[in-house]
N, C-alpha and C. Protein backbone atom coordinates (compact mmCIF):
# COMPACT_ATOMS: atom_id res chain seq x y z
N MET A 1 -11.57 15.50 32.93
CA MET A 1 -11.57 14.18 32.38
C MET A 1 -12.34 14.06 31.07
N LYS A 2 -13.52 14.72 31.04
CA LYS A 2 -14.35 14.68 29.86
C LYS A 2 -13.73 15.37 28.73
N LYS A 3 -12.95 16.42 29.01
CA LYS A 3 -12.22 17.15 27.91
C LYS A 3 -11.11 16.20 27.34
N ARG A 4 -10.48 15.45 28.12
CA ARG A 4 -9.52 14.50 27.57
C ARG A 4 -10.07 13.50 26.70
N ILE A 5 -11.20 12.91 27.11
CA ILE A 5 -11.88 11.87 26.24
C ILE A 5 -12.36 12.45 25.00
N ALA A 6 -12.94 13.61 25.11
CA ALA A 6 -13.42 14.33 23.82
C ALA A 6 -12.28 14.53 22.95
N THR A 7 -11.19 14.99 23.41
CA THR A 7 -10.05 15.24 22.64
C THR A 7 -9.49 14.00 21.98
N LEU A 8 -9.41 12.89 22.72
CA LEU A 8 -8.97 11.65 22.15
C LEU A 8 -9.85 11.16 21.13
N ILE A 9 -11.19 11.28 21.28
CA ILE A 9 -12.14 10.79 20.22
C ILE A 9 -11.98 11.67 18.97
N ALA A 10 -11.82 13.01 19.22
CA ALA A 10 -11.61 13.86 18.04
C ALA A 10 -10.38 13.49 17.28
N LEU A 11 -9.28 13.24 17.95
CA LEU A 11 -8.09 12.89 17.26
C LEU A 11 -8.14 11.62 16.50
N THR A 12 -8.74 10.57 17.08
CA THR A 12 -8.85 9.27 16.42
C THR A 12 -9.90 9.21 15.31
N SER A 13 -10.86 10.18 15.34
CA SER A 13 -11.89 10.12 14.30
C SER A 13 -11.32 10.62 12.95
N PHE A 14 -10.19 11.24 12.89
CA PHE A 14 -9.62 11.77 11.65
C PHE A 14 -8.51 10.83 11.17
N SER A 15 -8.34 9.68 11.62
CA SER A 15 -7.31 8.83 11.14
C SER A 15 -7.74 8.18 9.78
N VAL A 16 -6.75 7.80 9.00
CA VAL A 16 -7.00 7.17 7.71
C VAL A 16 -7.20 5.69 7.95
N ASN A 17 -8.18 5.17 7.30
CA ASN A 17 -8.54 3.71 7.39
C ASN A 17 -7.50 2.94 6.60
N ALA A 18 -7.10 1.82 7.20
CA ALA A 18 -6.14 0.89 6.48
C ALA A 18 -6.87 -0.38 6.13
N SER A 19 -6.52 -0.98 5.09
CA SER A 19 -7.13 -2.20 4.59
C SER A 19 -6.03 -3.19 4.27
N VAL A 20 -6.34 -4.46 4.05
CA VAL A 20 -5.38 -5.52 3.81
C VAL A 20 -5.84 -6.33 2.63
N GLN A 21 -4.93 -6.74 1.80
CA GLN A 21 -5.20 -7.67 0.70
C GLN A 21 -4.03 -8.63 0.53
N SER A 22 -4.23 -9.87 0.37
CA SER A 22 -3.21 -10.90 0.20
C SER A 22 -3.26 -11.51 -1.17
N GLY A 23 -2.15 -11.95 -1.68
CA GLY A 23 -2.11 -12.60 -2.95
C GLY A 23 -0.71 -12.75 -3.45
N VAL A 24 -0.57 -13.12 -4.80
CA VAL A 24 0.72 -13.17 -5.43
C VAL A 24 0.76 -12.05 -6.43
N ILE A 25 1.87 -11.32 -6.52
CA ILE A 25 2.03 -10.23 -7.43
C ILE A 25 2.06 -10.79 -8.91
N SER A 26 1.06 -10.18 -9.69
CA SER A 26 0.92 -10.66 -11.09
C SER A 26 1.63 -9.67 -12.03
N GLY A 27 2.13 -8.55 -11.57
CA GLY A 27 2.89 -7.60 -12.41
C GLY A 27 3.23 -6.31 -11.64
N TYR A 28 4.17 -5.62 -12.10
CA TYR A 28 4.63 -4.37 -11.57
C TYR A 28 5.10 -3.42 -12.57
N ILE A 29 5.09 -2.16 -12.21
CA ILE A 29 5.49 -1.08 -13.13
C ILE A 29 6.50 -0.15 -12.38
N PRO A 30 7.76 -0.14 -12.66
CA PRO A 30 8.56 0.90 -12.01
C PRO A 30 8.42 2.21 -12.82
N TYR A 31 8.13 3.33 -12.16
CA TYR A 31 7.76 4.54 -12.91
C TYR A 31 8.42 5.71 -12.13
N SER A 32 8.51 6.81 -12.85
CA SER A 32 8.91 8.03 -12.14
C SER A 32 8.00 9.20 -12.64
N HIS A 33 7.73 10.14 -11.71
CA HIS A 33 6.95 11.22 -12.06
C HIS A 33 7.19 12.36 -11.08
N GLU A 34 7.43 13.55 -11.67
CA GLU A 34 7.70 14.76 -10.88
C GLU A 34 8.74 14.50 -9.82
N GLN A 35 9.95 14.11 -10.19
CA GLN A 35 11.08 13.90 -9.32
C GLN A 35 10.88 12.82 -8.30
N LYS A 36 9.90 11.93 -8.44
CA LYS A 36 9.71 10.78 -7.50
C LYS A 36 9.74 9.48 -8.31
N GLU A 37 10.29 8.47 -7.71
CA GLU A 37 10.13 7.05 -8.22
C GLU A 37 8.90 6.54 -7.62
N ILE A 38 8.22 5.66 -8.39
CA ILE A 38 7.05 5.04 -7.99
C ILE A 38 7.01 3.59 -8.38
N ILE A 39 6.69 2.70 -7.48
CA ILE A 39 6.48 1.33 -7.81
C ILE A 39 4.93 1.03 -7.73
N ILE A 40 4.38 0.57 -8.86
CA ILE A 40 3.00 0.25 -9.02
C ILE A 40 2.88 -1.23 -9.22
N PHE A 41 2.04 -1.97 -8.39
CA PHE A 41 1.97 -3.43 -8.64
C PHE A 41 0.52 -3.86 -8.40
N GLN A 42 0.29 -5.07 -8.86
CA GLN A 42 -1.06 -5.64 -8.76
C GLN A 42 -0.97 -7.07 -8.36
N LEU A 43 -1.95 -7.57 -7.57
CA LEU A 43 -2.00 -8.90 -7.14
C LEU A 43 -2.83 -9.70 -8.11
N ASN A 44 -2.67 -11.01 -8.08
CA ASN A 44 -3.46 -11.93 -8.98
C ASN A 44 -4.96 -11.88 -8.69
N ASN A 45 -5.37 -11.57 -7.52
CA ASN A 45 -6.79 -11.47 -7.13
C ASN A 45 -7.20 -10.09 -6.83
N ASN A 46 -6.75 -9.06 -7.67
CA ASN A 46 -6.96 -7.69 -7.40
C ASN A 46 -8.50 -7.40 -7.28
N VAL A 47 -8.72 -6.38 -6.47
CA VAL A 47 -10.06 -5.94 -6.24
C VAL A 47 -10.08 -4.35 -6.47
N ALA A 48 -11.00 -3.90 -7.37
CA ALA A 48 -11.00 -2.45 -7.55
C ALA A 48 -12.10 -1.92 -6.62
N GLN A 49 -11.76 -0.94 -5.87
CA GLN A 49 -12.73 -0.34 -4.97
C GLN A 49 -12.23 1.15 -4.58
N GLY A 50 -13.18 1.97 -4.35
CA GLY A 50 -12.85 3.41 -3.99
C GLY A 50 -11.95 4.04 -5.11
N CYS A 51 -10.90 4.77 -4.64
CA CYS A 51 -10.02 5.41 -5.65
C CYS A 51 -9.13 4.37 -6.35
N LYS A 52 -9.11 3.15 -5.84
CA LYS A 52 -8.26 2.08 -6.42
C LYS A 52 -9.09 1.41 -7.53
N THR A 53 -9.26 2.23 -8.57
CA THR A 53 -10.15 1.73 -9.67
C THR A 53 -9.52 0.71 -10.61
N THR A 54 -8.21 0.61 -10.49
CA THR A 54 -7.45 -0.38 -11.22
C THR A 54 -7.17 -1.71 -10.47
N GLY A 55 -7.37 -1.64 -9.19
CA GLY A 55 -7.08 -2.79 -8.26
C GLY A 55 -5.62 -2.83 -8.00
N ARG A 56 -4.85 -1.82 -8.36
CA ARG A 56 -3.41 -1.81 -8.14
C ARG A 56 -2.99 -1.01 -6.87
N PHE A 57 -1.74 -1.24 -6.52
CA PHE A 57 -1.14 -0.52 -5.26
C PHE A 57 0.03 0.22 -5.82
N ALA A 58 0.33 1.30 -5.01
CA ALA A 58 1.48 2.13 -5.39
C ALA A 58 2.12 2.74 -4.15
N MET A 59 3.44 2.92 -4.28
CA MET A 59 4.28 3.64 -3.23
C MET A 59 5.29 4.47 -3.95
N ASP A 60 5.48 5.71 -3.45
CA ASP A 60 6.45 6.56 -4.11
C ASP A 60 7.61 6.71 -3.15
N SER A 61 8.73 7.30 -3.77
CA SER A 61 10.03 7.38 -3.08
C SER A 61 10.03 8.36 -1.87
N THR A 62 8.98 9.06 -1.57
CA THR A 62 8.97 9.95 -0.43
C THR A 62 8.65 9.12 0.86
N SER A 63 8.23 7.82 0.67
CA SER A 63 8.03 6.98 1.85
C SER A 63 9.31 6.48 2.41
N PRO A 64 9.46 6.43 3.72
CA PRO A 64 10.74 5.95 4.31
C PRO A 64 10.92 4.41 4.05
N ARG A 65 9.78 3.69 3.67
CA ARG A 65 9.87 2.23 3.44
C ARG A 65 10.01 1.98 1.91
N TYR A 66 10.16 2.95 1.06
CA TYR A 66 10.17 2.77 -0.33
C TYR A 66 11.22 1.75 -0.80
N GLN A 67 12.39 1.89 -0.52
CA GLN A 67 13.51 0.99 -0.97
C GLN A 67 13.22 -0.43 -0.57
N ALA A 68 12.87 -0.64 0.69
CA ALA A 68 12.60 -1.97 1.19
C ALA A 68 11.38 -2.56 0.44
N THR A 69 10.32 -1.69 0.27
CA THR A 69 9.18 -2.19 -0.40
C THR A 69 9.45 -2.55 -1.89
N LEU A 70 10.24 -1.67 -2.52
CA LEU A 70 10.63 -1.97 -3.96
C LEU A 70 11.37 -3.27 -4.05
N SER A 71 12.30 -3.52 -3.22
CA SER A 71 13.08 -4.77 -3.24
C SER A 71 12.18 -5.98 -2.91
N SER A 72 11.27 -5.83 -2.02
CA SER A 72 10.36 -6.87 -1.62
C SER A 72 9.42 -7.25 -2.75
N VAL A 73 8.89 -6.22 -3.45
CA VAL A 73 7.96 -6.43 -4.51
C VAL A 73 8.74 -7.22 -5.71
N LEU A 74 9.93 -6.81 -5.91
CA LEU A 74 10.66 -7.44 -7.04
C LEU A 74 10.94 -8.90 -6.65
N ALA A 75 11.39 -9.13 -5.45
CA ALA A 75 11.72 -10.55 -4.98
C ALA A 75 10.45 -11.38 -5.01
N ALA A 76 9.38 -10.87 -4.51
CA ALA A 76 8.09 -11.56 -4.39
C ALA A 76 7.63 -11.93 -5.73
N TYR A 77 7.73 -11.01 -6.66
CA TYR A 77 7.19 -11.24 -8.02
C TYR A 77 7.92 -12.40 -8.68
N HIS A 78 9.29 -12.35 -8.66
CA HIS A 78 10.09 -13.29 -9.32
C HIS A 78 10.09 -14.65 -8.63
N SER A 79 9.79 -14.72 -7.35
CA SER A 79 9.72 -16.02 -6.65
C SER A 79 8.25 -16.48 -6.53
N LYS A 80 7.30 -15.60 -6.94
CA LYS A 80 5.87 -15.99 -6.85
C LYS A 80 5.49 -16.23 -5.38
N SER A 81 6.11 -15.56 -4.53
CA SER A 81 5.80 -15.76 -3.02
C SER A 81 4.57 -14.88 -2.69
N PRO A 82 3.69 -15.42 -1.83
CA PRO A 82 2.51 -14.63 -1.43
C PRO A 82 2.96 -13.38 -0.57
N ILE A 83 2.18 -12.36 -0.74
CA ILE A 83 2.45 -11.14 0.10
C ILE A 83 1.18 -10.67 0.68
N ARG A 84 1.26 -9.95 1.66
CA ARG A 84 0.10 -9.23 2.34
C ARG A 84 0.37 -7.72 2.21
N VAL A 85 -0.55 -7.06 1.56
CA VAL A 85 -0.49 -5.59 1.36
C VAL A 85 -1.26 -4.87 2.44
N ASN A 86 -0.76 -4.08 3.24
CA ASN A 86 -1.44 -3.19 4.09
C ASN A 86 -1.49 -1.83 3.43
N TYR A 87 -2.68 -1.33 3.10
CA TYR A 87 -2.79 -0.16 2.31
C TYR A 87 -3.79 0.78 2.89
N LEU A 88 -3.64 2.08 2.51
CA LEU A 88 -4.54 3.09 2.98
C LEU A 88 -5.65 3.35 1.97
N ASP A 89 -6.72 3.97 2.38
CA ASP A 89 -7.80 4.18 1.40
C ASP A 89 -7.65 5.59 0.74
N THR A 90 -6.36 5.84 0.42
CA THR A 90 -6.00 6.99 -0.40
C THR A 90 -5.23 6.62 -1.63
N CYS A 91 -5.19 7.48 -2.58
CA CYS A 91 -4.45 7.19 -3.84
C CYS A 91 -3.57 8.39 -4.21
N ASN A 92 -2.66 8.72 -3.29
CA ASN A 92 -1.79 9.93 -3.50
C ASN A 92 -0.53 9.61 -4.31
N ALA A 93 0.02 8.41 -4.21
CA ALA A 93 1.25 8.04 -4.90
C ALA A 93 0.99 7.90 -6.42
N TRP A 94 -0.16 7.44 -6.77
CA TRP A 94 -0.64 7.30 -8.14
C TRP A 94 -2.17 7.35 -8.13
N GLY A 95 -2.77 8.13 -8.94
CA GLY A 95 -4.22 8.46 -8.86
C GLY A 95 -5.21 7.35 -8.81
N ASN A 96 -4.90 6.16 -9.41
CA ASN A 96 -5.89 5.04 -9.49
C ASN A 96 -5.40 3.84 -8.75
N SER A 97 -4.41 3.98 -7.88
CA SER A 97 -3.76 2.86 -7.18
C SER A 97 -3.71 3.21 -5.71
N ALA A 98 -4.10 2.23 -4.80
CA ALA A 98 -4.12 2.51 -3.41
C ALA A 98 -2.66 2.70 -2.84
N ASP A 99 -2.53 3.68 -1.85
CA ASP A 99 -1.25 3.88 -1.26
C ASP A 99 -0.89 2.72 -0.30
N VAL A 100 0.26 2.17 -0.54
CA VAL A 100 0.75 1.10 0.25
C VAL A 100 1.35 1.67 1.52
N ASP A 101 0.95 1.08 2.69
CA ASP A 101 1.46 1.41 3.95
C ASP A 101 2.73 0.55 4.18
N TYR A 102 2.61 -0.73 4.08
CA TYR A 102 3.70 -1.67 4.19
C TYR A 102 3.21 -3.03 3.60
N ILE A 103 4.13 -3.95 3.30
CA ILE A 103 3.88 -5.19 2.81
C ILE A 103 4.69 -6.26 3.63
N CYS A 104 4.13 -7.43 3.70
CA CYS A 104 4.84 -8.62 4.29
C CYS A 104 4.95 -9.68 3.27
N VAL A 105 6.07 -10.33 3.20
CA VAL A 105 6.33 -11.32 2.19
C VAL A 105 6.50 -12.70 2.82
N GLY A 106 5.85 -13.64 2.24
CA GLY A 106 5.94 -15.00 2.74
C GLY A 106 5.01 -15.37 3.83
N ASP A 107 5.33 -16.41 4.56
CA ASP A 107 4.44 -16.89 5.62
C ASP A 107 4.87 -16.34 6.98
N VAL A 108 4.46 -15.04 7.16
CA VAL A 108 4.94 -14.28 8.35
C VAL A 108 3.68 -13.51 8.87
N ALA A 109 3.44 -13.51 10.10
CA ALA A 109 2.34 -12.70 10.63
C ALA A 109 2.82 -11.17 10.74
N CYS A 110 2.03 -10.33 10.19
CA CYS A 110 2.36 -8.93 10.28
C CYS A 110 1.13 -8.05 10.52
């Protein structure tokens, strides 16, 4: 039993932390780099912290949620709808922008 608990603790201690920020998209950049499409966007109340030195968020086309996120970012920007960005404390998609895990648009709990 103690081995199982120790294994569980070891596995969960290596997980990547997720953070959340809400706001309205103030701008976006559709970009491509090294055979990948990338959407980079920023909220009106952006906060720069950690590797996210610009306060921006990014997702690249290797994510299974890329197409849905791209469409949601464009729609939310043009409608000025509030979004909630759930992001990781990593900047792999673009070096100075936090990696987006997923976003929620509008008044919805997520």
